[in-house]
Amino acid sequence: VSTEFQVLTYGKHVFTCKIVCEYKKKLICGIDIESGTAPDEPRNVSCIQYGTEGHPTCTWDKGRLTYINTIYVIQ
């Protein structure tokens, strides 16, 4: 069995596949899909470190809302 479907809205969507066995529904598989937009390139990146042993603290403008879990890493 296969199917195709369009995801027309942003966010997290849960799809499940069930069978009916002896008048009971039984979950046999499923998938979680997150849809959204690609993140913008960060702008106005600024980092500051107090002292030679301090940890740097950075801020930036991350741009538009992506509607998905987005992780930023500064290297």
Protein backbone atom coordinates (compact mmCIF):
# COMPACT_ATOMS: atom_id res chain seq x y z
CA VAL A 1 0.00 0.00 0.00
CA SER A 2 1.29 3.45 -0.82
CA THR A 3 -0.09 6.96 -0.98
CA GLU A 4 0.97 10.49 -1.79
CA PHE A 5 -0.20 13.63 -0.05
CA GLN A 6 0.61 17.32 -0.13
CA VAL A 7 1.72 19.13 3.00
CA LEU A 8 0.22 22.59 2.53
CA THR A 9 0.93 24.20 5.91
CA TYR A 10 4.07 24.80 7.95
CA GLY A 11 4.75 23.05 11.23
CA LYS A 12 4.74 19.47 12.52
CA HIS A 13 2.40 16.90 10.98
CA VAL A 14 1.78 13.34 12.16
CA PHE A 15 0.59 10.68 9.74
CA THR A 16 -0.39 7.17 10.83
CA CYS A 17 -1.38 3.95 9.13
CA LYS A 18 -3.85 1.68 10.89
CA ILE A 19 -5.57 -1.61 10.14
CA VAL A 20 -8.91 -2.86 11.36
CA CYS A 21 -8.57 -6.30 12.91
CA GLU A 22 -11.53 -7.91 14.65
CA TYR A 23 -13.31 -4.54 14.88
CA LYS A 24 -10.30 -2.92 16.55
CA LYS A 25 -7.97 -0.37 14.99
CA LYS A 26 -4.29 -1.23 15.26
CA LEU A 27 -1.46 1.20 14.56
CA ILE A 28 1.07 -0.38 12.21
CA CYS A 29 3.26 2.57 11.22
CA GLY A 30 3.56 6.33 11.24
CA ILE A 31 5.76 9.29 10.42
CA ASP A 32 6.29 12.78 11.83
CA ILE A 33 7.02 15.44 9.23
CA GLU A 34 8.17 19.00 9.90
CA SER A 35 7.72 21.47 7.06
CA GLY A 36 8.90 25.04 6.88
CA THR A 37 11.23 27.44 5.12
CA ALA A 38 15.00 27.34 4.90
CA PRO A 39 16.65 29.60 7.47
CA ASP A 40 18.07 32.95 6.39
CA GLU A 41 21.78 33.51 6.72
CA PRO A 42 22.37 35.13 10.14
CA ARG A 43 22.97 38.90 10.05
CA ASN A 44 24.50 41.39 12.48
CA VAL A 45 26.60 38.74 14.23
CA SER A 46 28.28 40.17 17.33
CA CYS A 47 30.44 38.38 19.91
CA ILE A 48 31.97 39.65 23.14
CA GLN A 49 34.36 37.97 25.57
CA TYR A 50 35.26 39.37 28.98
CA GLY A 51 38.86 38.61 29.92
CA THR A 52 41.22 36.04 28.45
CA GLU A 53 39.53 33.14 30.25
CA GLY A 54 35.92 34.10 29.61
CA HIS A 55 33.52 32.33 27.28
CA PRO A 56 32.36 34.34 24.28
CA THR A 57 28.71 35.41 24.16
CA CYS A 58 27.26 35.95 20.69
CA THR A 59 24.03 37.42 19.34
CA TRP A 60 22.64 37.68 15.81
CA ASP A 61 19.53 38.41 13.81
CA LYS A 62 18.31 34.99 12.67
CA GLY A 63 15.88 36.33 10.05
CA ARG A 64 12.43 35.04 9.18
CA LEU A 65 10.51 32.39 11.10
CA THR A 66 11.33 28.92 9.73
CA TYR A 67 8.50 26.93 11.40
CA ILE A 68 10.98 24.08 12.02
CA ASN A 69 13.52 23.36 14.74
CA THR A 70 16.62 25.31 13.66
CA ILE A 71 20.03 25.07 15.33
CA TYR A 72 22.71 27.71 14.79
CA VAL A 73 26.41 26.98 15.32
CA ILE A 74 29.15 29.61 15.37
CA GLN A 75 32.60 28.41 14.35
